[in-house]
Full PDB file with SEQRES, HELIX, SHEET, SSBOND, CRYST1, ORIGX, SCALE, CONECT and MASTER records, all heavy atoms in Angstrom:
SEQRES   1 A   35  THR ASP TYR ARG TRP HIS TYR ASP VAL THR PRO ASN LYS          
SEQRES   2 A   35  ARG ALA LEU ALA VAL ARG TYR GLY ALA GLN GLU VAL ASP          
SEQRES   3 A   35  ARG ARG PHE VAL GLY GLN LEU MET ILE                          
HELIX    1 AA1 PRO A   11  ARG A   19  1                                   9    
HELIX    2 AA2 ARG A   27  MET A   34  1                                   8    
CRYST1    1.000    1.000    1.000  90.00  90.00  90.00 P 1           1          
ORIGX1      1.000000  0.000000  0.000000        0.00000                         
ORIGX2      0.000000  1.000000  0.000000        0.00000                         
ORIGX3      0.000000  0.000000  1.000000        0.00000                         
SCALE1      1.000000  0.000000  0.000000        0.00000                         
SCALE2      0.000000  1.000000  0.000000        0.00000                         
SCALE3      0.000000  0.000000  1.000000        0.00000                         
ATOM      1  N   THR A   1     -37.719 -24.462  -1.791  1.00  0.00           N  
ATOM      2  CA  THR A   1     -38.328 -24.578  -3.103  1.00  0.00           C  
ATOM      3  C   THR A   1     -39.764 -25.043  -3.123  1.00  0.00           C  
ATOM      4  O   THR A   1     -40.384 -25.170  -4.166  1.00  0.00           O  
ATOM      5  CB  THR A   1     -37.479 -25.406  -4.043  1.00  0.00           C  
ATOM      6  OG1 THR A   1     -37.449 -26.761  -3.515  1.00  0.00           O  
ATOM      7  CG2 THR A   1     -36.070 -24.880  -4.220  1.00  0.00           C  
ATOM      8  N   ASP A   2     -40.299 -25.371  -1.953  1.00  0.00           N  
ATOM      9  CA  ASP A   2     -41.705 -25.835  -1.853  1.00  0.00           C  
ATOM     10  C   ASP A   2     -42.610 -24.715  -2.149  1.00  0.00           C  
ATOM     11  O   ASP A   2     -42.632 -23.689  -1.461  1.00  0.00           O  
ATOM     12  CB  ASP A   2     -41.938 -26.460  -0.503  1.00  0.00           C  
ATOM     13  CG  ASP A   2     -43.323 -27.102  -0.335  1.00  0.00           C  
ATOM     14  OD1 ASP A   2     -44.004 -27.233  -1.397  1.00  0.00           O  
ATOM     15  OD2 ASP A   2     -43.722 -27.401   0.774  1.00  0.00           O  
ATOM     16  N   TYR A   3     -43.512 -24.942  -3.078  1.00  0.00           N  
ATOM     17  CA  TYR A   3     -44.452 -23.859  -3.504  1.00  0.00           C  
ATOM     18  C   TYR A   3     -45.830 -24.112  -2.906  1.00  0.00           C  
ATOM     19  O   TYR A   3     -46.759 -23.368  -3.162  1.00  0.00           O  
ATOM     20  CB  TYR A   3     -44.579 -23.836  -5.036  1.00  0.00           C  
ATOM     21  CG  TYR A   3     -44.854 -25.207  -5.644  1.00  0.00           C  
ATOM     22  CD1 TYR A   3     -46.160 -25.662  -5.778  1.00  0.00           C  
ATOM     23  CD2 TYR A   3     -43.804 -26.066  -5.994  1.00  0.00           C  
ATOM     24  CE1 TYR A   3     -46.432 -26.913  -6.312  1.00  0.00           C  
ATOM     25  CE2 TYR A   3     -44.023 -27.360  -6.487  1.00  0.00           C  
ATOM     26  CZ  TYR A   3     -45.350 -27.745  -6.682  1.00  0.00           C  
ATOM     27  OH  TYR A   3     -45.623 -28.975  -7.138  1.00  0.00           O  
ATOM     28  N   ARG A   4     -45.987 -25.116  -2.102  1.00  0.00           N  
ATOM     29  CA  ARG A   4     -47.297 -25.471  -1.519  1.00  0.00           C  
ATOM     30  C   ARG A   4     -47.511 -24.977  -0.101  1.00  0.00           C  
ATOM     31  O   ARG A   4     -48.252 -25.589   0.711  1.00  0.00           O  
ATOM     32  CB  ARG A   4     -47.452 -27.004  -1.544  1.00  0.00           C  
ATOM     33  CG  ARG A   4     -47.512 -27.530  -2.988  1.00  0.00           C  
ATOM     34  CD  ARG A   4     -47.359 -29.006  -2.992  1.00  0.00           C  
ATOM     35  NE  ARG A   4     -45.947 -29.305  -2.467  1.00  0.00           N  
ATOM     36  CZ  ARG A   4     -45.394 -30.442  -2.498  1.00  0.00           C  
ATOM     37  NH1 ARG A   4     -46.066 -31.516  -3.016  1.00  0.00           N  
ATOM     38  NH2 ARG A   4     -44.186 -30.670  -2.041  1.00  0.00           N  
ATOM     39  N   TRP A   5     -46.852 -23.883   0.287  1.00  0.00           N  
ATOM     40  CA  TRP A   5     -46.836 -23.404   1.672  1.00  0.00           C  
ATOM     41  C   TRP A   5     -48.255 -22.917   2.054  1.00  0.00           C  
ATOM     42  O   TRP A   5     -48.958 -22.304   1.266  1.00  0.00           O  
ATOM     43  CB  TRP A   5     -45.811 -22.301   1.816  1.00  0.00           C  
ATOM     44  CG  TRP A   5     -45.644 -21.317   0.730  1.00  0.00           C  
ATOM     45  CD1 TRP A   5     -44.743 -21.414  -0.348  1.00  0.00           C  
ATOM     46  CD2 TRP A   5     -46.373 -20.100   0.539  1.00  0.00           C  
ATOM     47  NE1 TRP A   5     -44.936 -20.317  -1.167  1.00  0.00           N  
ATOM     48  CE2 TRP A   5     -45.913 -19.517  -0.671  1.00  0.00           C  
ATOM     49  CE3 TRP A   5     -47.394 -19.482   1.229  1.00  0.00           C  
ATOM     50  CZ2 TRP A   5     -46.412 -18.321  -1.105  1.00  0.00           C  
ATOM     51  CZ3 TRP A   5     -47.912 -18.295   0.723  1.00  0.00           C  
ATOM     52  CH2 TRP A   5     -47.395 -17.699  -0.446  1.00  0.00           C  
ATOM     53  N   HIS A   6     -48.590 -23.214   3.332  1.00  0.00           N  
ATOM     54  CA  HIS A   6     -49.935 -22.920   3.827  1.00  0.00           C  
ATOM     55  C   HIS A   6     -49.947 -23.177   5.368  1.00  0.00           C  
ATOM     56  O   HIS A   6     -48.981 -23.698   5.924  1.00  0.00           O  
ATOM     57  CB  HIS A   6     -50.971 -23.785   3.155  1.00  0.00           C  
ATOM     58  CG  HIS A   6     -50.818 -25.173   3.510  1.00  0.00           C  
ATOM     59  ND1 HIS A   6     -49.949 -26.051   2.910  1.00  0.00           N  
ATOM     60  CD2 HIS A   6     -51.516 -25.977   4.380  1.00  0.00           C  
ATOM     61  CE1 HIS A   6     -50.033 -27.249   3.419  1.00  0.00           C  
ATOM     62  NE2 HIS A   6     -50.987 -27.212   4.295  1.00  0.00           N  
ATOM     63  N   TYR A   7     -51.094 -22.823   5.977  1.00  0.00           N  
ATOM     64  CA  TYR A   7     -51.395 -23.218   7.263  1.00  0.00           C  
ATOM     65  C   TYR A   7     -52.680 -24.079   7.174  1.00  0.00           C  
ATOM     66  O   TYR A   7     -53.558 -23.796   6.305  1.00  0.00           O  
ATOM     67  CB  TYR A   7     -51.752 -22.038   8.170  1.00  0.00           C  
ATOM     68  CG  TYR A   7     -50.606 -21.223   8.636  1.00  0.00           C  
ATOM     69  CD1 TYR A   7     -50.149 -20.102   7.848  1.00  0.00           C  
ATOM     70  CD2 TYR A   7     -50.021 -21.400   9.889  1.00  0.00           C  
ATOM     71  CE1 TYR A   7     -49.131 -19.355   8.267  1.00  0.00           C  
ATOM     72  CE2 TYR A   7     -48.949 -20.615  10.291  1.00  0.00           C  
ATOM     73  CZ  TYR A   7     -48.496 -19.552   9.526  1.00  0.00           C  
ATOM     74  OH  TYR A   7     -47.468 -18.794   9.913  1.00  0.00           O  
ATOM     75  N   ASP A   8     -52.785 -25.082   8.041  1.00  0.00           N  
ATOM     76  CA  ASP A   8     -54.065 -25.814   8.122  1.00  0.00           C  
ATOM     77  C   ASP A   8     -54.827 -25.076   9.260  1.00  0.00           C  
ATOM     78  O   ASP A   8     -54.270 -24.770  10.258  1.00  0.00           O  
ATOM     79  CB  ASP A   8     -53.841 -27.235   8.593  1.00  0.00           C  
ATOM     80  CG  ASP A   8     -53.216 -28.126   7.456  1.00  0.00           C  
ATOM     81  OD1 ASP A   8     -53.266 -27.729   6.286  1.00  0.00           O  
ATOM     82  OD2 ASP A   8     -52.683 -29.208   7.789  1.00  0.00           O  
ATOM     83  N   VAL A   9     -56.110 -24.925   9.020  1.00  0.00           N  
ATOM     84  CA  VAL A   9     -56.957 -24.171   9.988  1.00  0.00           C  
ATOM     85  C   VAL A   9     -58.258 -24.923  10.214  1.00  0.00           C  
ATOM     86  O   VAL A   9     -58.799 -25.578   9.252  1.00  0.00           O  
ATOM     87  CB  VAL A   9     -57.250 -22.733   9.644  1.00  0.00           C  
ATOM     88  CG1 VAL A   9     -56.014 -21.895   9.648  1.00  0.00           C  
ATOM     89  CG2 VAL A   9     -57.906 -22.622   8.253  1.00  0.00           C  
ATOM     90  N   THR A  10     -58.717 -24.939  11.459  1.00  0.00           N  
ATOM     91  CA  THR A  10     -59.981 -25.587  11.876  1.00  0.00           C  
ATOM     92  C   THR A  10     -61.172 -24.785  11.383  1.00  0.00           C  
ATOM     93  O   THR A  10     -60.995 -23.603  11.020  1.00  0.00           O  
ATOM     94  CB  THR A  10     -59.969 -25.764  13.348  1.00  0.00           C  
ATOM     95  OG1 THR A  10     -59.885 -24.447  13.929  1.00  0.00           O  
ATOM     96  CG2 THR A  10     -58.837 -26.603  13.865  1.00  0.00           C  
ATOM     97  N   PRO A  11     -62.347 -25.368  11.458  1.00  0.00           N  
ATOM     98  CA  PRO A  11     -63.519 -24.646  10.975  1.00  0.00           C  
ATOM     99  C   PRO A  11     -63.707 -23.308  11.707  1.00  0.00           C  
ATOM    100  O   PRO A  11     -64.118 -22.297  11.124  1.00  0.00           O  
ATOM    101  CB  PRO A  11     -64.703 -25.608  11.277  1.00  0.00           C  
ATOM    102  CG  PRO A  11     -64.056 -26.940  11.135  1.00  0.00           C  
ATOM    103  CD  PRO A  11     -62.650 -26.796  11.714  1.00  0.00           C  
ATOM    104  N   ASN A  12     -63.509 -23.218  13.065  1.00  0.00           N  
ATOM    105  CA  ASN A  12     -63.622 -21.982  13.781  1.00  0.00           C  
ATOM    106  C   ASN A  12     -62.645 -20.931  13.307  1.00  0.00           C  
ATOM    107  O   ASN A  12     -63.012 -19.815  13.168  1.00  0.00           O  
ATOM    108  CB  ASN A  12     -63.424 -22.253  15.284  1.00  0.00           C  
ATOM    109  CG  ASN A  12     -64.575 -23.027  15.884  1.00  0.00           C  
ATOM    110  OD1 ASN A  12     -65.689 -23.050  15.286  1.00  0.00           O  
ATOM    111  ND2 ASN A  12     -64.377 -23.603  17.032  1.00  0.00           N  
ATOM    112  N   LYS A  13     -61.397 -21.347  13.080  1.00  0.00           N  
ATOM    113  CA  LYS A  13     -60.356 -20.334  12.583  1.00  0.00           C  
ATOM    114  C   LYS A  13     -60.666 -19.966  11.144  1.00  0.00           C  
ATOM    115  O   LYS A  13     -60.483 -18.794  10.759  1.00  0.00           O  
ATOM    116  CB  LYS A  13     -58.953 -20.965  12.640  1.00  0.00           C  
ATOM    117  CG  LYS A  13     -58.485 -21.106  14.030  1.00  0.00           C  
ATOM    118  CD  LYS A  13     -58.215 -19.754  14.704  1.00  0.00           C  
ATOM    119  CE  LYS A  13     -57.611 -19.982  16.128  1.00  0.00           C  
ATOM    120  NZ  LYS A  13     -57.358 -18.699  16.766  1.00  0.00           N  
ATOM    121  N   ARG A  14     -61.303 -20.883  10.349  1.00  0.00           N  
ATOM    122  CA  ARG A  14     -61.693 -20.537   8.986  1.00  0.00           C  
ATOM    123  C   ARG A  14     -62.809 -19.426   9.021  1.00  0.00           C  
ATOM    124  O   ARG A  14     -62.700 -18.468   8.305  1.00  0.00           O  
ATOM    125  CB  ARG A  14     -62.244 -21.753   8.245  1.00  0.00           C  
ATOM    126  CG  ARG A  14     -62.598 -21.434   6.755  1.00  0.00           C  
ATOM    127  CD  ARG A  14     -63.352 -22.618   6.167  1.00  0.00           C  
ATOM    128  NE  ARG A  14     -63.510 -22.435   4.768  1.00  0.00           N  
ATOM    129  CZ  ARG A  14     -64.473 -21.664   4.187  1.00  0.00           C  
ATOM    130  NH1 ARG A  14     -65.305 -21.018   4.951  1.00  0.00           N  
ATOM    131  NH2 ARG A  14     -64.525 -21.567   2.911  1.00  0.00           N  
ATOM    132  N   ALA A  15     -63.781 -19.623   9.885  1.00  0.00           N  
ATOM    133  CA  ALA A  15     -64.821 -18.593  10.041  1.00  0.00           C  
ATOM    134  C   ALA A  15     -64.287 -17.249  10.398  1.00  0.00           C  
ATOM    135  O   ALA A  15     -64.672 -16.250   9.821  1.00  0.00           O  
ATOM    136  CB  ALA A  15     -65.874 -19.021  11.013  1.00  0.00           C  
ATOM    137  N   LEU A  16     -63.306 -17.237  11.333  1.00  0.00           N  
ATOM    138  CA  LEU A  16     -62.660 -15.973  11.742  1.00  0.00           C  
ATOM    139  C   LEU A  16     -61.857 -15.381  10.589  1.00  0.00           C  
ATOM    140  O   LEU A  16     -61.904 -14.176  10.319  1.00  0.00           O  
ATOM    141  CB  LEU A  16     -61.722 -16.241  12.953  1.00  0.00           C  
ATOM    142  CG  LEU A  16     -61.084 -15.018  13.605  1.00  0.00           C  
ATOM    143  CD1 LEU A  16     -62.082 -14.022  14.081  1.00  0.00           C  
ATOM    144  CD2 LEU A  16     -60.156 -15.517  14.702  1.00  0.00           C  
ATOM    145  N   ALA A  17     -61.166 -16.263   9.836  1.00  0.00           N  
ATOM    146  CA  ALA A  17     -60.379 -15.744   8.619  1.00  0.00           C  
ATOM    147  C   ALA A  17     -61.294 -15.066   7.646  1.00  0.00           C  
ATOM    148  O   ALA A  17     -61.001 -14.007   7.117  1.00  0.00           O  
ATOM    149  CB  ALA A  17     -59.657 -16.875   8.029  1.00  0.00           C  
ATOM    150  N   VAL A  18     -62.505 -15.702   7.415  1.00  0.00           N  
ATOM    151  CA  VAL A  18     -63.436 -15.061   6.488  1.00  0.00           C  
ATOM    152  C   VAL A  18     -63.927 -13.693   7.003  1.00  0.00           C  
ATOM    153  O   VAL A  18     -64.004 -12.731   6.248  1.00  0.00           O  
ATOM    154  CB  VAL A  18     -64.592 -16.029   6.158  1.00  0.00           C  
ATOM    155  CG1 VAL A  18     -65.734 -15.330   5.380  1.00  0.00           C  
ATOM    156  CG2 VAL A  18     -64.082 -17.295   5.448  1.00  0.00           C  
ATOM    157  N   ARG A  19     -64.153 -13.628   8.287  1.00  0.00           N  
ATOM    158  CA  ARG A  19     -64.570 -12.407   8.893  1.00  0.00           C  
ATOM    159  C   ARG A  19     -63.566 -11.324   8.762  1.00  0.00           C  
ATOM    160  O   ARG A  19     -63.808 -10.129   8.587  1.00  0.00           O  
ATOM    161  CB  ARG A  19     -64.948 -12.538  10.369  1.00  0.00           C  
ATOM    162  CG  ARG A  19     -66.349 -13.073  10.636  1.00  0.00           C  
ATOM    163  CD  ARG A  19     -66.861 -12.840  11.985  1.00  0.00           C  
ATOM    164  NE  ARG A  19     -66.053 -13.371  13.045  1.00  0.00           N  
ATOM    165  CZ  ARG A  19     -66.122 -14.624  13.518  1.00  0.00           C  
ATOM    166  NH1 ARG A  19     -66.937 -15.491  12.980  1.00  0.00           N  
ATOM    167  NH2 ARG A  19     -65.313 -15.021  14.539  1.00  0.00           N  
ATOM    168  N   TYR A  20     -62.245 -11.741   8.775  1.00  0.00           N  
ATOM    169  CA  TYR A  20     -61.130 -10.761   8.696  1.00  0.00           C  
ATOM    170  C   TYR A  20     -60.806 -10.474   7.194  1.00  0.00           C  
ATOM    171  O   TYR A  20     -59.954  -9.698   6.915  1.00  0.00           O  
ATOM    172  CB  TYR A  20     -59.872 -11.351   9.324  1.00  0.00           C  
ATOM    173  CG  TYR A  20     -59.882 -11.315  10.814  1.00  0.00           C  
ATOM    174  CD1 TYR A  20     -58.905 -11.969  11.563  1.00  0.00           C  
ATOM    175  CD2 TYR A  20     -60.819 -10.679  11.587  1.00  0.00           C  
ATOM    176  CE1 TYR A  20     -58.831 -11.930  12.915  1.00  0.00           C  
ATOM    177  CE2 TYR A  20     -60.830 -10.636  12.927  1.00  0.00           C  
ATOM    178  CZ  TYR A  20     -59.837 -11.286  13.614  1.00  0.00           C  
ATOM    179  OH  TYR A  20     -59.767 -11.260  15.015  1.00  0.00           O  
ATOM    180  N   GLY A  21     -61.509 -11.130   6.308  1.00  0.00           N  
ATOM    181  CA  GLY A  21     -61.337 -10.712   4.890  1.00  0.00           C  
ATOM    182  C   GLY A  21     -60.711 -11.744   3.953  1.00  0.00           C  
ATOM    183  O   GLY A  21     -60.418 -11.482   2.770  1.00  0.00           O  
ATOM    184  N   ALA A  22     -60.481 -12.982   4.435  1.00  0.00           N  
ATOM    185  CA  ALA A  22     -59.948 -13.997   3.568  1.00  0.00           C  
ATOM    186  C   ALA A  22     -60.952 -14.362   2.513  1.00  0.00           C  
ATOM    187  O   ALA A  22     -62.166 -14.415   2.755  1.00  0.00           O  
ATOM    188  CB  ALA A  22     -59.567 -15.287   4.363  1.00  0.00           C  
ATOM    189  N   GLN A  23     -60.486 -14.614   1.316  1.00  0.00           N  
ATOM    190  CA  GLN A  23     -61.320 -14.917   0.184  1.00  0.00           C  
ATOM    191  C   GLN A  23     -61.632 -16.450   0.220  1.00  0.00           C  
ATOM    192  O   GLN A  23     -60.664 -17.251   0.260  1.00  0.00           O  
ATOM    193  CB  GLN A  23     -60.736 -14.512  -1.158  1.00  0.00           C  
ATOM    194  CG  GLN A  23     -61.559 -14.778  -2.349  1.00  0.00           C  
ATOM    195  CD  GLN A  23     -60.921 -14.328  -3.636  1.00  0.00           C  
ATOM    196  OE1 GLN A  23     -60.046 -13.458  -3.567  1.00  0.00           O  
ATOM    197  NE2 GLN A  23     -61.323 -14.884  -4.727  1.00  0.00           N  
ATOM    198  N   GLU A  24     -62.964 -16.778   0.220  1.00  0.00           N  
ATOM    199  CA  GLU A  24     -63.311 -18.249   0.173  1.00  0.00           C  
ATOM    200  C   GLU A  24     -63.097 -18.763  -1.266  1.00  0.00           C  
ATOM    201  O   GLU A  24     -63.617 -18.190  -2.241  1.00  0.00           O  
ATOM    202  CB  GLU A  24     -64.706 -18.372   0.596  1.00  0.00           C  
ATOM    203  CG  GLU A  24     -64.962 -18.001   2.042  1.00  0.00           C  
ATOM    204  CD  GLU A  24     -66.435 -18.122   2.419  1.00  0.00           C  
ATOM    205  OE1 GLU A  24     -67.164 -17.135   2.217  1.00  0.00           O  
ATOM    206  OE2 GLU A  24     -66.793 -19.188   2.987  1.00  0.00           O  
ATOM    207  N   VAL A  25     -62.367 -19.855  -1.388  1.00  0.00           N  
ATOM    208  CA  VAL A  25     -62.080 -20.478  -2.666  1.00  0.00           C  
ATOM    209  C   VAL A  25     -62.252 -21.963  -2.541  1.00  0.00           C  
ATOM    210  O   VAL A  25     -62.352 -22.471  -1.455  1.00  0.00           O  
ATOM    211  CB  VAL A  25     -60.677 -20.108  -3.200  1.00  0.00           C  
ATOM    212  CG1 VAL A  25     -60.472 -18.609  -3.417  1.00  0.00           C  
ATOM    213  CG2 VAL A  25     -59.620 -20.644  -2.236  1.00  0.00           C  
ATOM    214  N   ASP A  26     -62.281 -22.660  -3.710  1.00  0.00           N  
ATOM    215  CA  ASP A  26     -62.344 -24.143  -3.644  1.00  0.00           C  
ATOM    216  C   ASP A  26     -61.003 -24.762  -3.836  1.00  0.00           C  
ATOM    217  O   ASP A  26     -59.957 -24.039  -4.151  1.00  0.00           O  
ATOM    218  CB  ASP A  26     -63.380 -24.629  -4.685  1.00  0.00           C  
ATOM    219  CG  ASP A  26     -62.984 -24.250  -6.143  1.00  0.00           C  
ATOM    220  OD1 ASP A  26     -61.896 -23.814  -6.352  1.00  0.00           O  
ATOM    221  OD2 ASP A  26     -63.856 -24.505  -7.038  1.00  0.00           O  
ATOM    222  N   ARG A  27     -60.912 -26.080  -3.750  1.00  0.00           N  
ATOM    223  CA  ARG A  27     -59.637 -26.772  -3.827  1.00  0.00           C  
ATOM    224  C   ARG A  27     -59.011 -26.602  -5.220  1.00  0.00           C  
ATOM    225  O   ARG A  27     -57.778 -26.540  -5.408  1.00  0.00           O  
ATOM    226  CB  ARG A  27     -59.823 -28.264  -3.621  1.00  0.00           C  
ATOM    227  CG  ARG A  27     -60.141 -28.601  -2.226  1.00  0.00           C  
ATOM    228  CD  ARG A  27     -60.232 -30.069  -2.002  1.00  0.00           C  
ATOM    229  NE  ARG A  27     -61.256 -30.649  -2.939  1.00  0.00           N  
ATOM    230  CZ  ARG A  27     -61.420 -31.875  -3.288  1.00  0.00           C  
ATOM    231  NH1 ARG A  27     -60.669 -32.789  -2.792  1.00  0.00           N  
ATOM    232  NH2 ARG A  27     -62.412 -32.237  -4.040  1.00  0.00           N  
ATOM    233  N   ARG A  28     -59.846 -26.510  -6.245  1.00  0.00           N  
ATOM    234  CA  ARG A  28     -59.364 -26.301  -7.644  1.00  0.00           C  
ATOM    235  C   ARG A  28     -58.577 -24.996  -7.722  1.00  0.00           C  
ATOM    236  O   ARG A  28     -57.536 -24.909  -8.343  1.00  0.00           O  
ATOM    237  CB  ARG A  28     -60.499 -26.369  -8.626  1.00  0.00           C  
ATOM    238  CG  ARG A  28     -60.059 -26.164 -10.017  1.00  0.00           C  
ATOM    239  CD  ARG A  28     -61.067 -26.622 -11.045  1.00  0.00           C  
ATOM    240  NE  ARG A  28     -60.964 -27.981 -11.139  1.00  0.00           N  
ATOM    241  CZ  ARG A  28     -61.943 -28.850 -11.213  1.00  0.00           C  
ATOM    242  NH1 ARG A  28     -63.148 -28.423 -11.195  1.00  0.00           N  
ATOM    243  NH2 ARG A  28     -61.724 -30.186 -11.377  1.00  0.00           N  
ATOM    244  N   PHE A  29     -59.102 -23.913  -7.124  1.00  0.00           N  
ATOM    245  CA  PHE A  29     -58.430 -22.678  -7.161  1.00  0.00           C  
ATOM    246  C   PHE A  29     -57.065 -22.751  -6.427  1.00  0.00           C  
ATOM    247  O   PHE A  29     -56.082 -22.230  -6.972  1.00  0.00           O  
ATOM    248  CB  PHE A  29     -59.248 -21.534  -6.457  1.00  0.00           C  
ATOM    249  CG  PHE A  29     -58.622 -20.231  -6.472  1.00  0.00           C  
ATOM    250  CD1 PHE A  29     -58.767 -19.352  -7.463  1.00  0.00           C  
ATOM    251  CD2 PHE A  29     -57.788 -19.907  -5.376  1.00  0.00           C  
ATOM    252  CE1 PHE A  29     -58.101 -18.083  -7.422  1.00  0.00           C  
ATOM    253  CE2 PHE A  29     -57.141 -18.668  -5.312  1.00  0.00           C  
ATOM    254  CZ  PHE A  29     -57.265 -17.760  -6.332  1.00  0.00           C  
ATOM    255  N   VAL A  30     -57.042 -23.430  -5.314  1.00  0.00           N  
ATOM    256  CA  VAL A  30     -55.796 -23.531  -4.581  1.00  0.00           C  
ATOM    257  C   VAL A  30     -54.795 -24.316  -5.431  1.00  0.00           C  
ATOM    258  O   VAL A  30     -53.589 -23.999  -5.510  1.00  0.00           O  
ATOM    259  CB  VAL A  30     -56.014 -24.221  -3.263  1.00  0.00           C  
ATOM    260  CG1 VAL A  30     -54.682 -24.531  -2.512  1.00  0.00           C  
ATOM    261  CG2 VAL A  30     -56.862 -23.271  -2.296  1.00  0.00           C  
ATOM    262  N   GLY A  31     -55.280 -25.370  -6.069  1.00  0.00           N  
ATOM    263  CA  GLY A  31     -54.417 -26.144  -6.964  1.00  0.00           C  
ATOM    264  C   GLY A  31     -53.830 -25.304  -8.083  1.00  0.00           C  
ATOM    265  O   GLY A  31     -52.585 -25.345  -8.378  1.00  0.00           O  
ATOM    266  N   GLN A  32     -54.600 -24.411  -8.674  1.00  0.00           N  
ATOM    267  CA  GLN A  32     -54.140 -23.527  -9.764  1.00  0.00           C  
ATOM    268  C   GLN A  32     -53.133 -22.525  -9.171  1.00  0.00           C  
ATOM    269  O   GLN A  32     -52.108 -22.187  -9.874  1.00  0.00           O  
ATOM    270  CB  GLN A  32     -55.274 -22.774 -10.413  1.00  0.00           C  
ATOM    271  CG  GLN A  32     -56.142 -23.734 -11.228  1.00  0.00           C  
ATOM    272  CD  GLN A  32     -55.432 -24.369 -12.368  1.00  0.00           C  
ATOM    273  OE1 GLN A  32     -54.666 -23.753 -13.062  1.00  0.00           O  
ATOM    274  NE2 GLN A  32     -55.672 -25.648 -12.565  1.00  0.00           N  
ATOM    275  N   LEU A  33     -53.395 -22.052  -8.006  1.00  0.00           N  
ATOM    276  CA  LEU A  33     -52.442 -21.114  -7.335  1.00  0.00           C  
ATOM    277  C   LEU A  33     -51.125 -21.790  -7.077  1.00  0.00           C  
ATOM    278  O   LEU A  33     -50.036 -21.225  -7.374  1.00  0.00           O  
ATOM    279  CB  LEU A  33     -53.013 -20.654  -5.933  1.00  0.00           C  
ATOM    280  CG  LEU A  33     -52.151 -19.726  -5.146  1.00  0.00           C  
ATOM    281  CD1 LEU A  33     -51.918 -18.400  -5.882  1.00  0.00           C  
ATOM    282  CD2 LEU A  33     -52.780 -19.544  -3.783  1.00  0.00           C  
ATOM    283  N   MET A  34     -51.098 -23.062  -6.682  1.00  0.00           N  
ATOM    284  CA  MET A  34     -49.877 -23.792  -6.498  1.00  0.00           C  
ATOM    285  C   MET A  34     -49.142 -23.992  -7.813  1.00  0.00           C  
ATOM    286  O   MET A  34     -47.893 -23.903  -7.853  1.00  0.00           O  
ATOM    287  CB  MET A  34     -50.133 -25.158  -5.793  1.00  0.00           C  
ATOM    288  CG  MET A  34     -50.824 -25.099  -4.496  1.00  0.00           C  
ATOM    289  SD  MET A  34     -49.900 -24.076  -3.319  1.00  0.00           S  
ATOM    290  CE  MET A  34     -51.123 -23.918  -1.974  1.00  0.00           C  
ATOM    291  N   ILE A  35     -49.859 -24.262  -8.897  1.00  0.00           N  
ATOM    292  CA  ILE A  35     -49.236 -24.432 -10.174  1.00  0.00           C  
ATOM    293  C   ILE A  35     -48.543 -23.090 -10.635  1.00  0.00           C  
ATOM    294  O   ILE A  35     -47.448 -23.086 -11.136  1.00  0.00           O  
ATOM    295  CB  ILE A  35     -50.213 -24.893 -11.294  1.00  0.00           C  
ATOM    296  CG1 ILE A  35     -50.637 -26.375 -10.974  1.00  0.00           C  
ATOM    297  CG2 ILE A  35     -49.715 -24.718 -12.691  1.00  0.00           C  
ATOM    298  CD1 ILE A  35     -51.765 -26.863 -11.817  1.00  0.00           C  
TER     299      ILE A  35                                                      
MASTER        0    0    0    2    0    0    0    6  298    1    0    3          
END                                                                             
């Protein structure tokens, strides 16, 4: 029932994720997504 599922990623993996098409968002957006 946990709705806060995610992976923690390091700065290098974050940069790769953005290159692969991940959308960059702020903490507030993630909070709203969890709600």
